[in-house]
N, C-alpha and C. Protein backbone atom coordinates (compact mmCIF):
# COMPACT_ATOMS: atom_id res chain seq x y z
N UNK A 1 -9.37 7.96 3.64
CA UNK A 1 -9.05 9.05 2.74
C UNK A 1 -9.86 10.30 3.07
N UNK A 2 -11.04 10.12 3.62
CA UNK A 2 -11.82 11.29 4.03
C UNK A 2 -11.10 12.03 5.15
N UNK A 3 -10.46 11.28 6.04
CA UNK A 3 -9.68 11.90 7.11
C UNK A 3 -8.50 12.68 6.54
N UNK A 4 -7.84 12.11 5.57
CA UNK A 4 -6.63 12.72 5.01
C UNK A 4 -6.89 14.13 4.49
N UNK A 5 -8.07 14.37 3.96
CA UNK A 5 -8.41 15.69 3.43
C UNK A 5 -8.33 16.77 4.49
N UNK A 6 -8.47 16.39 5.76
CA UNK A 6 -8.46 17.36 6.85
C UNK A 6 -7.07 17.56 7.46
N UNK A 7 -6.03 17.01 6.84
CA UNK A 7 -4.67 17.17 7.37
C UNK A 7 -3.93 18.34 6.75
N UNK A 8 -4.57 19.03 5.82
CA UNK A 8 -3.92 20.14 5.12
C UNK A 8 -4.64 21.45 5.42
N UNK A 9 -4.15 22.15 6.40
CA UNK A 9 -4.71 23.45 6.71
C UNK A 9 -5.93 23.38 7.61
N UNK A 10 -6.43 24.54 7.95
CA UNK A 10 -7.58 24.61 8.84
C UNK A 10 -7.14 24.79 10.28
N UNK A 11 -8.02 24.49 11.16
CA UNK A 11 -7.77 24.64 12.60
C UNK A 11 -6.63 23.71 13.01
N UNK A 12 -5.57 24.25 13.60
CA UNK A 12 -4.41 23.44 13.99
C UNK A 12 -4.77 22.30 14.95
N UNK A 13 -5.75 22.50 15.81
CA UNK A 13 -6.16 21.44 16.74
C UNK A 13 -6.81 20.30 15.97
N UNK A 14 -7.66 20.63 15.01
CA UNK A 14 -8.31 19.60 14.19
C UNK A 14 -7.27 18.86 13.37
N UNK A 15 -6.33 19.58 12.79
CA UNK A 15 -5.27 18.95 12.00
C UNK A 15 -4.47 17.98 12.86
N UNK A 16 -4.12 18.38 14.08
CA UNK A 16 -3.35 17.51 14.97
C UNK A 16 -4.13 16.25 15.33
N UNK A 17 -5.41 16.39 15.63
CA UNK A 17 -6.25 15.24 15.98
C UNK A 17 -6.39 14.30 14.78
N UNK A 18 -6.62 14.86 13.61
CA UNK A 18 -6.79 14.04 12.41
C UNK A 18 -5.49 13.31 12.08
N UNK A 19 -4.36 13.98 12.22
CA UNK A 19 -3.07 13.31 11.95
C UNK A 19 -2.86 12.16 12.93
N UNK A 20 -3.22 12.34 14.18
CA UNK A 20 -3.10 11.27 15.17
C UNK A 20 -4.01 10.09 14.79
N UNK A 21 -5.23 10.41 14.37
CA UNK A 21 -6.16 9.37 13.92
C UNK A 21 -5.61 8.64 12.69
N UNK A 22 -5.05 9.39 11.75
CA UNK A 22 -4.50 8.78 10.54
C UNK A 22 -3.37 7.80 10.87
N UNK A 23 -2.51 8.16 11.82
CA UNK A 23 -1.42 7.25 12.21
C UNK A 23 -1.99 5.93 12.72
N UNK A 24 -3.03 6.01 13.54
CA UNK A 24 -3.63 4.80 14.07
C UNK A 24 -4.36 3.99 13.01
N UNK A 25 -5.12 4.68 12.19
CA UNK A 25 -5.89 4.01 11.14
C UNK A 25 -4.97 3.37 10.10
N UNK A 26 -3.87 4.02 9.81
CA UNK A 26 -2.97 3.54 8.76
C UNK A 26 -1.90 2.57 9.25
N UNK A 27 -1.82 2.33 10.54
CA UNK A 27 -0.78 1.44 11.07
C UNK A 27 -0.80 0.06 10.40
N UNK A 28 -1.95 -0.58 10.21
CA UNK A 28 -1.94 -1.88 9.53
C UNK A 28 -1.44 -1.78 8.08
N UNK A 29 -1.86 -0.73 7.38
CA UNK A 29 -1.41 -0.53 6.00
C UNK A 29 0.11 -0.34 5.96
N UNK A 30 0.63 0.51 6.83
CA UNK A 30 2.06 0.76 6.84
C UNK A 30 2.84 -0.49 7.20
N UNK A 31 2.28 -1.33 8.07
CA UNK A 31 2.91 -2.61 8.39
C UNK A 31 2.98 -3.52 7.17
N UNK A 32 1.91 -3.54 6.37
CA UNK A 32 1.90 -4.34 5.15
C UNK A 32 2.92 -3.81 4.15
N UNK A 33 2.99 -2.50 3.99
CA UNK A 33 3.96 -1.90 3.08
C UNK A 33 5.38 -2.24 3.54
N UNK A 34 5.62 -2.13 4.83
CA UNK A 34 6.95 -2.41 5.37
C UNK A 34 7.35 -3.87 5.10
N UNK A 35 6.46 -4.82 5.36
CA UNK A 35 6.78 -6.23 5.11
C UNK A 35 7.04 -6.48 3.62
N UNK A 36 6.27 -5.82 2.77
CA UNK A 36 6.42 -6.00 1.33
C UNK A 36 7.76 -5.44 0.84
N UNK A 37 8.11 -4.21 1.22
CA UNK A 37 9.32 -3.59 0.67
C UNK A 37 10.60 -4.09 1.35
N UNK A 38 10.50 -4.58 2.57
CA UNK A 38 11.71 -5.08 3.26
C UNK A 38 11.91 -6.58 3.11
N UNK A 39 10.81 -7.33 3.01
CA UNK A 39 10.92 -8.79 2.99
C UNK A 39 10.29 -9.43 1.76
N UNK A 40 9.57 -8.65 0.96
CA UNK A 40 8.87 -9.20 -0.19
C UNK A 40 7.72 -10.10 0.20
N UNK A 41 7.18 -9.87 1.38
CA UNK A 41 6.12 -10.73 1.93
C UNK A 41 4.77 -10.03 1.88
N UNK A 42 3.79 -10.72 1.31
CA UNK A 42 2.41 -10.23 1.33
C UNK A 42 1.68 -10.95 2.45
N UNK A 43 1.20 -10.20 3.41
CA UNK A 43 0.37 -10.78 4.47
C UNK A 43 -0.97 -10.06 4.39
N UNK A 44 -1.87 -10.64 3.62
CA UNK A 44 -3.11 -9.96 3.29
C UNK A 44 -4.29 -10.93 3.36
N UNK A 45 -4.54 -11.45 4.53
CA UNK A 45 -5.60 -12.45 4.71
C UNK A 45 -6.98 -11.89 4.32
N UNK A 46 -7.22 -10.60 4.52
CA UNK A 46 -8.52 -10.00 4.21
C UNK A 46 -8.63 -9.51 2.77
N UNK A 47 -7.54 -9.51 2.04
CA UNK A 47 -7.57 -9.04 0.65
C UNK A 47 -7.80 -7.55 0.52
N UNK A 48 -7.27 -6.76 1.47
CA UNK A 48 -7.48 -5.32 1.40
C UNK A 48 -6.22 -4.52 1.09
N UNK A 49 -5.08 -5.20 0.91
CA UNK A 49 -3.85 -4.51 0.55
C UNK A 49 -3.90 -4.17 -0.93
N UNK A 50 -3.24 -3.09 -1.32
CA UNK A 50 -3.35 -2.65 -2.71
C UNK A 50 -2.44 -3.41 -3.67
N UNK A 51 -1.63 -4.32 -3.16
CA UNK A 51 -0.83 -5.20 -4.01
C UNK A 51 -1.37 -6.61 -3.83
N UNK A 52 -1.52 -7.32 -4.93
CA UNK A 52 -2.05 -8.68 -4.84
C UNK A 52 -1.15 -9.65 -5.60
N UNK A 53 -1.22 -10.90 -5.16
CA UNK A 53 -0.54 -11.99 -5.82
C UNK A 53 -1.57 -12.72 -6.66
N UNK A 54 -1.26 -12.90 -7.91
CA UNK A 54 -2.19 -13.56 -8.82
C UNK A 54 -1.83 -15.02 -9.05
N UNK A 55 -1.13 -15.61 -8.10
CA UNK A 55 -0.75 -17.01 -8.22
C UNK A 55 0.44 -17.16 -9.14
N UNK A 56 0.71 -18.38 -9.48
CA UNK A 56 1.85 -18.63 -10.36
C UNK A 56 1.38 -18.68 -11.80
N UNK A 57 2.31 -18.58 -12.67
CA UNK A 57 2.04 -18.68 -14.10
C UNK A 57 3.29 -19.25 -14.72
N UNK A 58 3.41 -19.12 -15.99
CA UNK A 58 4.63 -19.56 -16.64
C UNK A 58 5.81 -18.74 -16.15
N UNK A 59 6.96 -19.38 -16.03
CA UNK A 59 8.14 -18.68 -15.49
C UNK A 59 8.47 -17.43 -16.26
N UNK A 60 8.28 -17.44 -17.56
CA UNK A 60 8.62 -16.28 -18.38
C UNK A 60 7.74 -15.07 -18.09
N UNK A 61 6.58 -15.28 -17.47
CA UNK A 61 5.64 -14.19 -17.19
C UNK A 61 5.57 -13.80 -15.72
N UNK A 62 6.36 -14.46 -14.87
CA UNK A 62 6.25 -14.21 -13.43
C UNK A 62 6.44 -12.74 -13.07
N UNK A 63 7.46 -12.09 -13.62
CA UNK A 63 7.73 -10.69 -13.26
C UNK A 63 6.53 -9.81 -13.60
N UNK A 64 5.92 -10.02 -14.74
CA UNK A 64 4.83 -9.15 -15.20
C UNK A 64 3.46 -9.54 -14.64
N UNK A 65 3.26 -10.82 -14.36
CA UNK A 65 1.91 -11.30 -14.06
C UNK A 65 1.65 -11.68 -12.60
N UNK A 66 2.67 -12.09 -11.87
CA UNK A 66 2.41 -12.64 -10.54
C UNK A 66 1.90 -11.61 -9.54
N UNK A 67 2.54 -10.46 -9.48
CA UNK A 67 2.13 -9.41 -8.54
C UNK A 67 1.67 -8.20 -9.33
N UNK A 68 0.63 -7.55 -8.82
CA UNK A 68 0.14 -6.34 -9.47
C UNK A 68 -0.58 -5.47 -8.45
N UNK A 69 -0.86 -4.25 -8.85
CA UNK A 69 -1.64 -3.34 -8.01
C UNK A 69 -3.10 -3.70 -8.20
N UNK A 70 -3.77 -3.94 -7.09
CA UNK A 70 -5.19 -4.29 -7.12
C UNK A 70 -6.00 -3.05 -7.49
N UNK A 71 -6.75 -3.15 -8.54
CA UNK A 71 -7.53 -2.02 -9.04
C UNK A 71 -8.51 -1.51 -7.98
N UNK A 72 -8.49 -0.21 -7.76
CA UNK A 72 -9.41 0.42 -6.84
C UNK A 72 -9.06 0.27 -5.37
N UNK A 73 -7.92 -0.35 -5.05
CA UNK A 73 -7.59 -0.60 -3.65
C UNK A 73 -6.51 0.33 -3.09
N UNK A 74 -5.88 1.12 -3.94
CA UNK A 74 -4.82 2.01 -3.47
C UNK A 74 -5.46 3.20 -2.76
N UNK A 75 -5.03 3.46 -1.51
CA UNK A 75 -5.58 4.62 -0.80
C UNK A 75 -5.32 5.91 -1.59
N UNK A 76 -6.24 6.84 -1.51
CA UNK A 76 -6.13 8.09 -2.26
C UNK A 76 -4.89 8.89 -1.90
N UNK A 77 -4.39 8.73 -0.70
CA UNK A 77 -3.24 9.52 -0.29
C UNK A 77 -1.91 8.88 -0.71
N UNK A 78 -1.96 7.76 -1.42
CA UNK A 78 -0.75 7.16 -2.00
C UNK A 78 -0.83 7.39 -3.51
N UNK A 79 0.02 8.28 -4.04
CA UNK A 79 -0.02 8.55 -5.48
C UNK A 79 0.31 7.29 -6.29
N UNK A 80 -0.19 7.23 -7.51
CA UNK A 80 -0.01 6.06 -8.37
C UNK A 80 1.46 5.74 -8.58
N UNK A 81 2.30 6.76 -8.75
CA UNK A 81 3.72 6.49 -8.97
C UNK A 81 4.37 5.89 -7.73
N UNK A 82 3.96 6.30 -6.54
CA UNK A 82 4.48 5.72 -5.31
C UNK A 82 3.99 4.28 -5.15
N UNK A 83 2.73 4.01 -5.46
CA UNK A 83 2.20 2.65 -5.39
C UNK A 83 2.98 1.74 -6.33
N UNK A 84 3.29 2.23 -7.53
CA UNK A 84 4.06 1.44 -8.49
C UNK A 84 5.48 1.17 -7.96
N UNK A 85 6.10 2.17 -7.36
CA UNK A 85 7.44 1.99 -6.79
C UNK A 85 7.41 0.95 -5.68
N UNK A 86 6.40 0.99 -4.82
CA UNK A 86 6.25 -0.01 -3.76
C UNK A 86 6.10 -1.39 -4.36
N UNK A 87 5.29 -1.51 -5.40
CA UNK A 87 5.11 -2.79 -6.10
C UNK A 87 6.44 -3.32 -6.62
N UNK A 88 7.20 -2.51 -7.30
CA UNK A 88 8.45 -2.94 -7.92
C UNK A 88 9.50 -3.33 -6.87
N UNK A 89 9.56 -2.61 -5.76
CA UNK A 89 10.51 -2.96 -4.71
C UNK A 89 10.24 -4.36 -4.18
N UNK A 90 8.99 -4.64 -3.83
CA UNK A 90 8.65 -5.98 -3.33
C UNK A 90 8.87 -7.05 -4.35
N UNK A 91 8.52 -6.77 -5.61
CA UNK A 91 8.74 -7.75 -6.68
C UNK A 91 10.23 -8.05 -6.81
N UNK A 92 11.06 -7.02 -6.70
CA UNK A 92 12.51 -7.21 -6.84
C UNK A 92 13.05 -8.15 -5.77
N UNK A 93 12.52 -8.08 -4.59
CA UNK A 93 12.95 -8.96 -3.51
C UNK A 93 12.55 -10.40 -3.82
N UNK A 94 11.40 -10.60 -4.45
CA UNK A 94 10.91 -11.93 -4.76
C UNK A 94 11.59 -12.56 -5.96
N UNK A 95 12.20 -11.76 -6.81
CA UNK A 95 12.83 -12.30 -8.00
C UNK A 95 14.30 -12.04 -7.93
């Protein structure tokens, strides 16, 4: 997120370098988002993705309780409403 702050304005050369760095740094995150929204699959062995599975519960609570946004794990450059939309898309595939 510290890098992201340098992608808006300033020296065009610095902006270009920072954007290139951001693409590389964010590639694993974007891969996780892609698997979640296209396949409903969480592949998060390190526990660093901003969506988490809280295990199973009663069937009546699965939609509300099984998957949620992990508190404090959403990157600053992903707005809360976008994180929620990503969560709901993946949940929809699973249910």
